[in-house]
N, C-alpha and C. Protein backbone atom coordinates (compact mmCIF):
# COMPACT_ATOMS: atom_id res chain seq x y z
N UNK A 1 -5.34 -10.37 0.39
CA UNK A 1 -6.38 -10.21 0.34
C UNK A 1 -7.02 -10.56 -0.98
N UNK A 2 -6.37 -10.36 -2.10
CA UNK A 2 -6.65 -10.40 -3.28
C UNK A 2 -6.50 -11.86 -3.51
N UNK A 3 -5.99 -12.65 -3.33
CA UNK A 3 -5.92 -14.13 -3.31
C UNK A 3 -6.93 -14.99 -2.46
N UNK A 4 -7.50 -14.15 -1.33
CA UNK A 4 -8.46 -14.93 -0.74
C UNK A 4 -9.78 -14.84 -1.52
N UNK A 5 -10.00 -13.47 -1.84
CA UNK A 5 -10.97 -13.15 -2.69
C UNK A 5 -11.16 -13.97 -3.94
N UNK A 6 -10.04 -14.28 -4.58
CA UNK A 6 -10.23 -15.01 -5.80
C UNK A 6 -10.72 -16.65 -5.46
N UNK A 7 -9.96 -16.95 -4.60
CA UNK A 7 -10.32 -18.43 -3.97
C UNK A 7 -11.85 -18.43 -3.62
N UNK A 8 -12.34 -17.35 -2.77
CA UNK A 8 -13.56 -17.43 -2.63
C UNK A 8 -14.60 -17.49 -3.79
N UNK A 9 -14.28 -16.61 -4.75
CA UNK A 9 -15.27 -16.89 -5.75
C UNK A 9 -15.08 -18.00 -6.68
N UNK A 10 -13.93 -18.66 -6.76
CA UNK A 10 -13.61 -19.87 -7.25
C UNK A 10 -14.37 -21.15 -6.70
N UNK A 11 -14.77 -20.90 -5.40
CA UNK A 11 -15.42 -22.12 -4.63
C UNK A 11 -17.01 -21.58 -4.58
N UNK A 12 -17.50 -20.59 -4.29
CA UNK A 12 -18.92 -20.42 -4.51
C UNK A 12 -19.63 -20.18 -5.75
N UNK A 13 -18.94 -20.19 -6.90
CA UNK A 13 -19.36 -20.09 -8.11
C UNK A 13 -19.26 -21.60 -8.98
N UNK A 14 -20.86 -21.98 -9.15
CA UNK A 14 -20.83 -23.21 -9.34
C UNK A 14 -21.70 -23.30 -10.51
N UNK A 15 -21.28 -23.75 -11.78
CA UNK A 15 -22.58 -23.85 -12.95
C UNK A 15 -23.09 -25.31 -13.00
N UNK A 16 -24.40 -25.28 -12.91
CA UNK A 16 -24.80 -26.71 -12.97
C UNK A 16 -25.33 -26.79 -14.11
N UNK A 17 -25.34 -28.03 -14.85
CA UNK A 17 -25.59 -28.53 -15.96
C UNK A 17 -27.28 -28.55 -15.80
N UNK A 18 -27.94 -28.43 -16.90
CA UNK A 18 -29.32 -28.41 -16.80
C UNK A 18 -29.70 -29.96 -17.29
N UNK A 19 -30.69 -30.26 -16.43
CA UNK A 19 -30.58 -31.93 -16.41
C UNK A 19 -32.23 -32.06 -16.50
N UNK A 20 -32.61 -32.89 -17.60
CA UNK A 20 -33.97 -33.23 -17.95
C UNK A 20 -34.74 -31.86 -18.35
N UNK A 21 -36.00 -32.24 -18.55
CA UNK A 21 -37.21 -30.88 -19.06
C UNK A 21 -37.85 -30.66 -18.11
N UNK A 22 -38.43 -29.16 -18.29
CA UNK A 22 -39.07 -28.55 -17.38
C UNK A 22 -40.53 -29.02 -17.76
N UNK A 23 -41.31 -29.72 -16.84
CA UNK A 23 -42.41 -29.98 -16.69
C UNK A 23 -43.44 -28.98 -16.99
N UNK A 24 -44.26 -28.82 -18.16
CA UNK A 24 -45.40 -27.70 -17.92
C UNK A 24 -46.46 -28.36 -17.59
N UNK A 25 -47.45 -27.54 -16.76
CA UNK A 25 -48.77 -28.06 -16.29
C UNK A 25 -49.67 -28.33 -17.43
N UNK A 26 -50.27 -29.33 -17.48
CA UNK A 26 -51.29 -29.78 -18.44
C UNK A 26 -52.61 -28.87 -18.55
N UNK A 27 -52.65 -28.46 -19.67
CA UNK A 27 -53.45 -27.20 -20.14
C UNK A 27 -55.05 -28.23 -20.36
N UNK A 28 -56.08 -28.00 -19.73
CA UNK A 28 -57.18 -28.15 -20.20
C UNK A 28 -58.19 -27.90 -21.38
N UNK A 29 -57.64 -26.24 -21.10
CA UNK A 29 -58.19 -25.16 -22.14
C UNK A 29 -57.17 -24.08 -22.50
N UNK A 30 -57.82 -23.01 -23.02
CA UNK A 30 -56.85 -22.16 -23.18
C UNK A 30 -56.43 -21.16 -21.69
N UNK A 31 -57.24 -21.39 -20.79
CA UNK A 31 -57.06 -20.56 -19.74
C UNK A 31 -56.73 -21.52 -18.30
N UNK A 32 -57.50 -22.77 -18.43
CA UNK A 32 -57.58 -23.53 -17.33
C UNK A 32 -56.63 -24.83 -17.14
N UNK A 33 -55.83 -25.15 -16.13
CA UNK A 33 -54.80 -26.31 -16.15
C UNK A 33 -55.90 -27.37 -15.24
N UNK A 34 -55.14 -28.59 -15.62
CA UNK A 34 -55.61 -29.57 -14.97
C UNK A 34 -55.54 -29.32 -13.53
N UNK A 35 -54.43 -28.89 -13.03
CA UNK A 35 -54.27 -28.67 -11.69
C UNK A 35 -55.47 -27.79 -10.94
N UNK A 36 -55.40 -26.70 -11.65
CA UNK A 36 -56.65 -25.87 -11.17
C UNK A 36 -58.19 -26.68 -10.98
N UNK A 37 -58.39 -27.53 -11.78
CA UNK A 37 -59.53 -28.29 -11.92
C UNK A 37 -59.44 -29.71 -10.94
N UNK A 38 -58.32 -30.08 -10.25
CA UNK A 38 -58.33 -31.03 -9.51
C UNK A 38 -57.51 -31.02 -8.18
N UNK A 39 -57.44 -29.72 -7.95
CA UNK A 39 -56.88 -29.18 -6.55
C UNK A 39 -57.61 -29.43 -5.30
N UNK A 40 -57.00 -29.91 -4.31
CA UNK A 40 -58.20 -30.24 -3.15
C UNK A 40 -57.26 -30.23 -1.99
N UNK A 41 -57.47 -29.12 -0.70
CA UNK A 41 -56.42 -29.18 0.06
C UNK A 41 -57.17 -30.51 1.28
N UNK A 42 -58.25 -30.89 0.95
CA UNK A 42 -58.66 -32.09 1.73
C UNK A 42 -58.24 -33.19 1.02
N UNK A 43 -57.94 -33.70 -0.11
CA UNK A 43 -57.08 -34.72 -0.75
C UNK A 43 -55.90 -34.84 -0.26
N UNK A 44 -55.15 -33.52 -0.14
CA UNK A 44 -53.74 -33.44 0.12
C UNK A 44 -53.53 -33.77 1.76
N UNK A 45 -54.50 -33.33 2.42
CA UNK A 45 -54.58 -33.46 3.91
C UNK A 45 -54.84 -35.37 3.97
N UNK A 46 -55.79 -35.61 3.46
CA UNK A 46 -55.97 -37.14 3.79
C UNK A 46 -55.65 -38.06 2.78
N UNK A 47 -54.39 -37.49 1.95
CA UNK A 47 -53.68 -38.54 0.97
C UNK A 47 -54.40 -39.10 0.24
N UNK A 48 -55.62 -38.44 -0.53
CA UNK A 48 -56.57 -39.31 -1.46
C UNK A 48 -56.11 -38.74 -2.94
N UNK A 49 -55.99 -39.69 -3.72
CA UNK A 49 -55.71 -39.73 -5.14
C UNK A 49 -56.74 -38.99 -5.69
N UNK A 50 -56.70 -37.91 -6.53
CA UNK A 50 -57.70 -37.07 -7.05
C UNK A 50 -57.34 -37.02 -8.40
N UNK A 51 -56.54 -37.94 -8.94
CA UNK A 51 -56.35 -37.73 -10.46
C UNK A 51 -57.30 -38.33 -11.37
N UNK A 52 -57.86 -37.63 -12.35
CA UNK A 52 -59.09 -38.21 -13.22
C UNK A 52 -58.17 -39.10 -14.21
N UNK A 53 -59.40 -39.99 -14.73
CA UNK A 53 -58.87 -40.83 -15.67
C UNK A 53 -58.98 -39.90 -16.97
N UNK A 54 -58.56 -40.51 -18.26
CA UNK A 54 -58.66 -40.14 -19.59
C UNK A 54 -59.88 -39.52 -19.89
N UNK A 55 -61.10 -40.36 -19.79
CA UNK A 55 -62.26 -39.87 -20.19
C UNK A 55 -62.82 -38.80 -19.21
N UNK A 56 -62.59 -38.85 -17.88
CA UNK A 56 -62.83 -37.81 -16.98
C UNK A 56 -62.06 -36.37 -17.31
N UNK A 57 -60.84 -36.42 -17.78
CA UNK A 57 -59.92 -35.37 -18.43
C UNK A 57 -60.94 -34.70 -19.61
N UNK A 58 -61.39 -35.58 -20.42
CA UNK A 58 -62.12 -35.22 -21.50
C UNK A 58 -63.39 -34.29 -21.23
N UNK A 59 -63.98 -34.71 -20.30
CA UNK A 59 -65.16 -34.04 -19.70
C UNK A 59 -64.75 -32.75 -18.98
N UNK A 60 -63.83 -32.73 -18.36
CA UNK A 60 -63.22 -31.50 -17.85
C UNK A 60 -62.73 -30.38 -18.79
N UNK A 61 -61.98 -30.98 -19.81
CA UNK A 61 -61.87 -30.19 -21.00
C UNK A 61 -62.66 -29.66 -21.66
N UNK A 62 -64.19 -30.20 -21.85
CA UNK A 62 -64.99 -29.68 -22.46
C UNK A 62 -65.84 -28.77 -21.82
N UNK A 63 -65.88 -28.85 -20.34
CA UNK A 63 -66.46 -27.95 -19.36
C UNK A 63 -65.60 -26.44 -19.46
N UNK A 64 -64.41 -26.72 -19.49
CA UNK A 64 -63.71 -25.61 -19.75
C UNK A 64 -63.33 -24.80 -20.93
N UNK A 65 -63.46 -25.62 -22.14
CA UNK A 65 -63.40 -25.02 -23.53
C UNK A 65 -64.54 -24.32 -23.50
N UNK A 66 -65.64 -25.05 -23.49
CA UNK A 66 -67.29 -24.43 -23.85
C UNK A 66 -67.55 -23.63 -22.93
N UNK A 67 -67.26 -23.83 -21.45
CA UNK A 67 -68.17 -22.93 -20.59
C UNK A 67 -67.35 -22.06 -20.03
N UNK A 68 -66.11 -22.10 -19.52
CA UNK A 68 -65.28 -21.48 -18.63
C UNK A 68 -64.56 -20.53 -19.37
N UNK A 69 -63.81 -20.89 -20.59
CA UNK A 69 -63.03 -20.00 -21.12
C UNK A 69 -63.93 -18.83 -21.80
N UNK A 70 -65.08 -19.01 -22.48
CA UNK A 70 -65.89 -18.03 -23.12
C UNK A 70 -66.54 -17.07 -22.07
N UNK A 71 -66.74 -17.77 -20.60
CA UNK A 71 -67.06 -17.03 -19.41
C UNK A 71 -65.98 -16.11 -19.21
N UNK A 72 -64.65 -16.42 -19.27
CA UNK A 72 -63.62 -15.60 -18.98
C UNK A 72 -63.14 -14.30 -19.72
N UNK A 73 -63.56 -14.72 -21.05
CA UNK A 73 -63.34 -13.95 -22.20
C UNK A 73 -64.17 -12.76 -21.83
N UNK A 74 -65.63 -13.20 -21.68
CA UNK A 74 -66.56 -12.07 -21.53
C UNK A 74 -66.51 -11.13 -20.72
N UNK A 75 -66.39 -11.73 -19.26
CA UNK A 75 -66.50 -11.38 -17.91
C UNK A 75 -65.00 -10.53 -17.81
N UNK A 76 -64.07 -10.87 -18.25
CA UNK A 76 -62.84 -10.09 -18.42
C UNK A 76 -62.16 -10.14 -16.83
N UNK A 77 -62.73 -11.18 -15.92
CA UNK A 77 -62.47 -11.24 -14.47
C UNK A 77 -61.40 -12.50 -14.36
N UNK A 78 -61.28 -12.39 -13.47
CA UNK A 78 -60.10 -14.01 -12.92
C UNK A 78 -61.21 -14.81 -12.38
N UNK A 79 -61.46 -15.99 -13.18
CA UNK A 79 -61.97 -16.99 -12.52
C UNK A 79 -61.40 -17.87 -11.71
N UNK A 80 -62.02 -17.88 -10.52
CA UNK A 80 -61.26 -18.57 -9.64
C UNK A 80 -62.00 -20.36 -9.40
N UNK A 81 -61.41 -21.47 -9.53
CA UNK A 81 -62.23 -22.67 -9.16
C UNK A 81 -62.08 -22.95 -7.64
N UNK A 82 -63.35 -22.97 -7.11
CA UNK A 82 -63.51 -23.38 -5.67
C UNK A 82 -63.61 -24.69 -5.40
N UNK A 83 -64.23 -25.40 -6.30
CA UNK A 83 -64.16 -26.82 -6.39
C UNK A 83 -64.51 -27.31 -7.77
N UNK A 84 -63.61 -28.27 -8.20
CA UNK A 84 -63.66 -28.81 -9.82
C UNK A 84 -63.75 -30.20 -9.24
N UNK A 85 -62.97 -30.99 -9.96
CA UNK A 85 -62.87 -32.69 -10.14
C UNK A 85 -62.73 -33.14 -8.62
N UNK A 86 -63.68 -34.02 -8.52
CA UNK A 86 -63.48 -35.17 -7.25
C UNK A 86 -63.42 -36.37 -7.61
N UNK A 87 -62.42 -37.03 -7.07
CA UNK A 87 -62.71 -38.48 -7.33
C UNK A 87 -63.66 -39.09 -6.37
N UNK A 88 -64.10 -40.34 -6.61
CA UNK A 88 -65.16 -40.85 -5.95
C UNK A 88 -64.83 -40.95 -4.44
N UNK A 89 -63.37 -41.14 -4.05
CA UNK A 89 -62.82 -41.13 -2.53
C UNK A 89 -63.24 -40.00 -1.93
N UNK A 90 -62.55 -38.75 -2.75
CA UNK A 90 -62.82 -37.44 -2.38
C UNK A 90 -64.24 -36.98 -2.15
N UNK A 91 -64.97 -37.22 -3.01
CA UNK A 91 -66.58 -36.75 -2.98
C UNK A 91 -66.91 -37.57 -1.74
N UNK A 92 -66.66 -38.78 -1.52
CA UNK A 92 -67.28 -39.03 -0.11
C UNK A 92 -66.75 -38.62 0.81
N UNK A 93 -65.16 -38.29 0.97
CA UNK A 93 -64.86 -37.51 2.12
C UNK A 93 -65.66 -36.05 2.31
N UNK A 94 -66.00 -35.48 1.25
CA UNK A 94 -66.80 -34.27 1.28
C UNK A 94 -68.35 -34.48 1.53
N UNK A 95 -68.56 -35.50 1.72
CA UNK A 95 -70.07 -35.87 1.82
C UNK A 95 -70.94 -35.43 0.62
N UNK A 96 -70.12 -35.69 -0.69
CA UNK A 96 -70.92 -35.32 -1.77
C UNK A 96 -71.98 -36.24 -2.48
N UNK A 97 -72.98 -35.51 -3.03
CA UNK A 97 -73.78 -36.62 -3.69
C UNK A 97 -73.18 -37.99 -4.22
N UNK A 98 -73.57 -39.19 -4.06
CA UNK A 98 -73.13 -40.33 -5.16
C UNK A 98 -72.99 -39.77 -6.67
N UNK A 99 -74.17 -39.17 -6.79
CA UNK A 99 -74.38 -38.72 -8.50
C UNK A 99 -73.77 -37.44 -8.67
N UNK A 100 -72.94 -37.04 -7.73
CA UNK A 100 -72.30 -35.51 -8.42
C UNK A 100 -71.51 -35.52 -9.72
N UNK A 101 -72.01 -34.41 -10.19
CA UNK A 101 -71.34 -34.07 -11.48
C UNK A 101 -69.75 -33.62 -11.46
N UNK A 102 -69.42 -33.22 -10.10
CA UNK A 102 -68.09 -33.08 -9.96
C UNK A 102 -67.13 -34.26 -10.22
N UNK A 103 -67.82 -35.61 -10.16
CA UNK A 103 -66.68 -36.81 -10.60
C UNK A 103 -66.53 -36.69 -11.85
N UNK A 104 -66.85 -35.96 -12.54
CA UNK A 104 -66.67 -36.06 -14.01
C UNK A 104 -66.98 -37.40 -14.72
N UNK A 105 -68.20 -38.14 -14.44
CA UNK A 105 -68.27 -39.24 -15.20
C UNK A 105 -69.42 -39.17 -15.83
N UNK A 106 -69.54 -40.37 -17.27
CA UNK A 106 -70.54 -40.13 -17.67
C UNK A 106 -70.89 -39.20 -18.71
N UNK A 107 -69.73 -38.53 -19.27
CA UNK A 107 -69.73 -37.17 -20.32
C UNK A 107 -70.24 -35.96 -19.19
N UNK A 108 -70.19 -36.04 -18.13
CA UNK A 108 -70.62 -34.89 -17.32
C UNK A 108 -69.53 -34.36 -16.65
N UNK A 109 -69.66 -33.13 -16.21
CA UNK A 109 -68.39 -32.52 -15.17
C UNK A 109 -69.16 -31.24 -14.41
N UNK A 110 -68.70 -30.90 -13.44
CA UNK A 110 -69.19 -29.80 -12.74
C UNK A 110 -68.01 -29.06 -12.10
N UNK A 111 -68.29 -27.51 -11.96
CA UNK A 111 -67.30 -26.90 -11.21
C UNK A 111 -68.21 -25.92 -10.37
N UNK A 112 -67.43 -25.46 -9.26
CA UNK A 112 -67.95 -24.39 -8.62
C UNK A 112 -66.80 -23.22 -8.63
N UNK A 113 -67.33 -22.00 -8.93
CA UNK A 113 -66.55 -20.67 -9.39
C UNK A 113 -66.73 -19.65 -8.40
N UNK A 114 -65.72 -18.68 -8.45
CA UNK A 114 -66.24 -17.20 -8.37
C UNK A 114 -65.41 -16.43 -9.13
N UNK A 115 -65.84 -15.07 -9.26
CA UNK A 115 -65.10 -14.07 -10.30
C UNK A 115 -64.84 -12.78 -9.29
N UNK A 116 -63.51 -12.63 -8.95
CA UNK A 116 -63.30 -11.26 -8.23
C UNK A 116 -63.86 -10.50 -9.08
N UNK A 117 -64.65 -9.43 -8.60
CA UNK A 117 -65.16 -8.21 -8.95
C UNK A 117 -66.46 -8.40 -9.71
N UNK A 118 -67.04 -9.83 -9.60
CA UNK A 118 -68.19 -10.00 -10.49
C UNK A 118 -69.27 -10.55 -9.51
N UNK A 119 -70.33 -10.10 -9.47
CA UNK A 119 -71.27 -10.79 -8.51
C UNK A 119 -71.83 -12.07 -9.03
N UNK A 120 -72.31 -12.97 -7.73
CA UNK A 120 -72.84 -14.45 -8.21
C UNK A 120 -73.99 -14.00 -9.59
N UNK A 121 -74.67 -13.51 -9.31
CA UNK A 121 -75.95 -13.22 -10.16
C UNK A 121 -75.22 -12.66 -11.66
N UNK A 122 -74.24 -11.82 -11.60
CA UNK A 122 -73.59 -11.19 -13.06
C UNK A 122 -72.85 -12.80 -13.80
N UNK A 123 -72.59 -13.34 -12.79
CA UNK A 123 -71.52 -14.60 -13.40
C UNK A 123 -72.98 -15.61 -14.23
N UNK A 124 -73.80 -15.97 -13.53
CA UNK A 124 -74.97 -16.43 -14.15
C UNK A 124 -75.67 -16.01 -15.38
N UNK A 125 -75.69 -14.64 -15.28
CA UNK A 125 -76.22 -13.77 -16.42
C UNK A 125 -75.40 -13.78 -17.40
N UNK A 126 -74.28 -13.80 -17.60
CA UNK A 126 -73.10 -13.78 -18.41
C UNK A 126 -73.29 -15.13 -19.05
N UNK A 127 -73.24 -16.05 -18.07
CA UNK A 127 -73.19 -17.88 -19.07
C UNK A 127 -74.78 -17.59 -19.68
N UNK A 128 -75.67 -17.22 -19.47
CA UNK A 128 -76.94 -17.28 -20.07
C UNK A 128 -76.90 -16.14 -21.22
N UNK A 129 -76.13 -15.22 -21.26
CA UNK A 129 -75.92 -14.38 -22.40
C UNK A 129 -75.08 -15.09 -23.26
N UNK A 130 -74.09 -15.76 -23.06
CA UNK A 130 -73.22 -16.25 -23.89
C UNK A 130 -73.84 -17.49 -24.60
N UNK A 131 -74.93 -18.05 -24.22
CA UNK A 131 -75.68 -19.13 -24.70
C UNK A 131 -74.39 -20.70 -24.77
N UNK A 132 -73.57 -20.62 -24.07
CA UNK A 132 -72.78 -21.78 -24.03
C UNK A 132 -73.69 -23.02 -23.44
N UNK A 133 -72.75 -24.02 -23.63
CA UNK A 133 -73.72 -25.35 -23.71
C UNK A 133 -73.51 -25.88 -22.01
N UNK A 134 -74.33 -25.48 -21.27
CA UNK A 134 -74.27 -25.86 -19.84
C UNK A 134 -75.63 -26.45 -19.59
N UNK A 135 -75.73 -27.52 -18.67
CA UNK A 135 -76.81 -28.22 -18.19
C UNK A 135 -77.81 -27.46 -17.18
N UNK A 136 -76.65 -27.05 -15.98
CA UNK A 136 -77.53 -26.19 -14.95
C UNK A 136 -76.27 -25.21 -14.42
N UNK A 137 -76.84 -24.05 -13.96
CA UNK A 137 -76.04 -23.18 -13.38
C UNK A 137 -77.13 -22.80 -11.97
N UNK A 138 -76.21 -22.97 -11.09
CA UNK A 138 -76.87 -22.75 -9.58
C UNK A 138 -76.12 -21.84 -8.71
N UNK A 139 -76.96 -20.69 -8.51
CA UNK A 139 -76.24 -19.52 -7.71
C UNK A 139 -76.46 -20.13 -6.12
N UNK A 140 -75.39 -20.57 -5.41
CA UNK A 140 -75.39 -20.65 -3.99
C UNK A 140 -74.79 -19.41 -3.19
N UNK A 141 -75.83 -18.76 -2.86
CA UNK A 141 -75.47 -17.57 -1.83
C UNK A 141 -74.85 -18.00 -0.64
N UNK A 142 -75.46 -19.27 -0.08
CA UNK A 142 -74.96 -19.68 1.55
C UNK A 142 -73.48 -19.76 1.30
N UNK A 143 -72.64 -20.28 0.14
CA UNK A 143 -71.50 -20.90 -0.12
C UNK A 143 -70.69 -19.79 -0.53
N UNK A 144 -71.50 -18.83 -1.36
CA UNK A 144 -70.86 -17.61 -2.18
C UNK A 144 -70.14 -18.19 -3.08
N UNK A 145 -70.92 -19.08 -4.19
CA UNK A 145 -70.21 -19.76 -5.37
C UNK A 145 -71.25 -19.99 -6.41
N UNK A 146 -70.83 -19.84 -7.75
CA UNK A 146 -71.76 -20.39 -8.54
C UNK A 146 -71.45 -21.92 -9.10
N UNK A 147 -72.31 -22.61 -9.29
CA UNK A 147 -72.02 -24.10 -9.57
C UNK A 147 -72.70 -24.04 -11.02
N UNK A 148 -71.70 -24.98 -11.95
CA UNK A 148 -72.13 -24.89 -13.22
C UNK A 148 -71.74 -26.72 -13.54
N UNK A 149 -72.93 -26.90 -14.17
CA UNK A 149 -72.92 -28.42 -14.70
C UNK A 149 -72.89 -28.38 -16.17
N UNK A 150 -72.03 -29.40 -17.15
CA UNK A 150 -72.03 -29.30 -18.46
C UNK A 150 -72.01 -30.90 -18.78
N UNK A 151 -72.74 -30.93 -20.05
CA UNK A 151 -72.30 -32.50 -20.21
C UNK A 151 -71.89 -32.64 -21.75
N UNK A 152 -71.29 -33.47 -21.92
CA UNK A 152 -70.25 -33.36 -23.13
C UNK A 152 -71.24 -34.27 -24.15
N UNK A 153 -71.41 -33.56 -25.33
CA UNK A 153 -72.61 -34.35 -26.40
C UNK A 153 -71.55 -35.64 -26.90
N UNK A 154 -72.33 -36.56 -27.09
CA UNK A 154 -71.78 -37.51 -28.04
C UNK A 154 -71.65 -37.29 -29.41
N UNK A 155 -70.72 -37.37 -30.13
CA UNK A 155 -70.33 -37.31 -31.65
C UNK A 155 -71.10 -35.91 -31.99
N UNK A 156 -71.37 -34.82 -31.41
CA UNK A 156 -71.82 -33.68 -31.77
C UNK A 156 -70.75 -32.63 -32.46
N UNK A 157 -70.66 -32.06 -33.09
CA UNK A 157 -69.84 -31.10 -33.46
C UNK A 157 -70.55 -29.78 -33.60
N UNK A 158 -69.71 -28.96 -32.82
CA UNK A 158 -70.44 -27.66 -32.14
C UNK A 158 -69.44 -26.44 -32.91
N UNK A 159 -69.95 -25.54 -33.51
CA UNK A 159 -69.64 -24.19 -34.12
C UNK A 159 -69.36 -23.09 -33.02
N UNK A 160 -68.16 -22.33 -33.19
CA UNK A 160 -68.34 -21.48 -32.20
C UNK A 160 -67.95 -20.37 -33.33
N UNK A 161 -68.90 -19.07 -33.24
CA UNK A 161 -68.81 -18.05 -33.83
C UNK A 161 -69.22 -16.61 -33.02
N UNK A 162 -68.65 -15.54 -33.59
CA UNK A 162 -69.03 -14.40 -33.04
C UNK A 162 -69.85 -13.40 -33.79
N UNK A 163 -70.96 -13.40 -33.19
CA UNK A 163 -72.27 -12.62 -33.83
C UNK A 163 -72.32 -11.55 -32.92
N UNK A 164 -72.25 -10.22 -33.61
CA UNK A 164 -72.43 -8.87 -32.63
C UNK A 164 -71.39 -8.67 -31.60
N UNK A 165 -70.25 -9.45 -31.62
CA UNK A 165 -69.13 -9.11 -30.46
C UNK A 165 -69.58 -10.16 -29.33
N UNK A 166 -70.59 -11.14 -29.54
CA UNK A 166 -70.81 -12.05 -28.47
C UNK A 166 -70.64 -13.67 -29.28
N UNK A 167 -69.90 -14.13 -28.26
CA UNK A 167 -69.49 -15.84 -28.93
C UNK A 167 -70.90 -16.63 -28.77
N UNK A 168 -71.16 -17.19 -29.86
CA UNK A 168 -72.42 -18.19 -29.97
C UNK A 168 -71.79 -19.64 -30.05
N UNK A 169 -72.80 -20.53 -29.85
CA UNK A 169 -72.31 -21.84 -29.96
C UNK A 169 -73.24 -22.59 -30.67
N UNK A 170 -73.25 -23.36 -31.89
CA UNK A 170 -74.59 -23.83 -32.12
C UNK A 170 -73.93 -25.44 -32.88
N UNK A 171 -74.97 -26.53 -32.87
CA UNK A 171 -74.61 -27.88 -33.10
C UNK A 171 -74.45 -27.62 -34.67
N UNK A 172 -73.60 -28.51 -35.48
CA UNK A 172 -73.34 -28.73 -36.69
C UNK A 172 -74.18 -29.84 -36.97
N UNK A 173 -75.31 -29.59 -38.01
CA UNK A 173 -75.84 -31.03 -38.34
C UNK A 173 -74.95 -31.46 -39.59
N UNK A 174 -75.32 -32.83 -39.28
CA UNK A 174 -74.43 -33.71 -40.40
C UNK A 174 -75.18 -33.56 -41.66
C-alpha cells in the first residue's frame, strides 16, 4: 500500500513551468479599465468588433480621469458602467444616434453609469459639486442611469487641486 501511494503521488504531482507573462487589463485611469468601458453583451452575441482606436482610447481616458475618477473618490460608491464606448457598428445595432458621443469620436466621449447606494439625482449633484469638466449630464429615470458626456480639450492644460476637501479643476492659461 505504501508503494502504491508513492506511485500515485509521483504521477499526480506535476510542476508546470511558467510560460509567458500574465497580461494585465489596460487601465484608462486610476479606477477604470478599457474592458469596463468597451464591454457589450450585444457586441459579443453579434460578433461585433468593439475595439476603440488610439484616439478614441484617449477620449475615454479623459472621461475616466477627469470625470469618473473624481466622482468615485467623492461619492465613495462603486461606479458601474452600464454603457460606455460603442463602435459605429455596435451603435447602429443598438439604434443609437449617428452622432452619439458613445462612439468617442472628435475628442468626445460618453458613458452611462449607476452607483449602488446613490440616487441618480445624487450622482448628478456630485458631478456638479466637483466642477469636473463635463459637457452634459442627463438623468434618465426611465432607463435608471446617468448619462455623462465630456469633450477632451485641445492642447489645454488643466490643474487639479483640492480646495476645502473638494477636488477642483481649472484651465491653466499659457
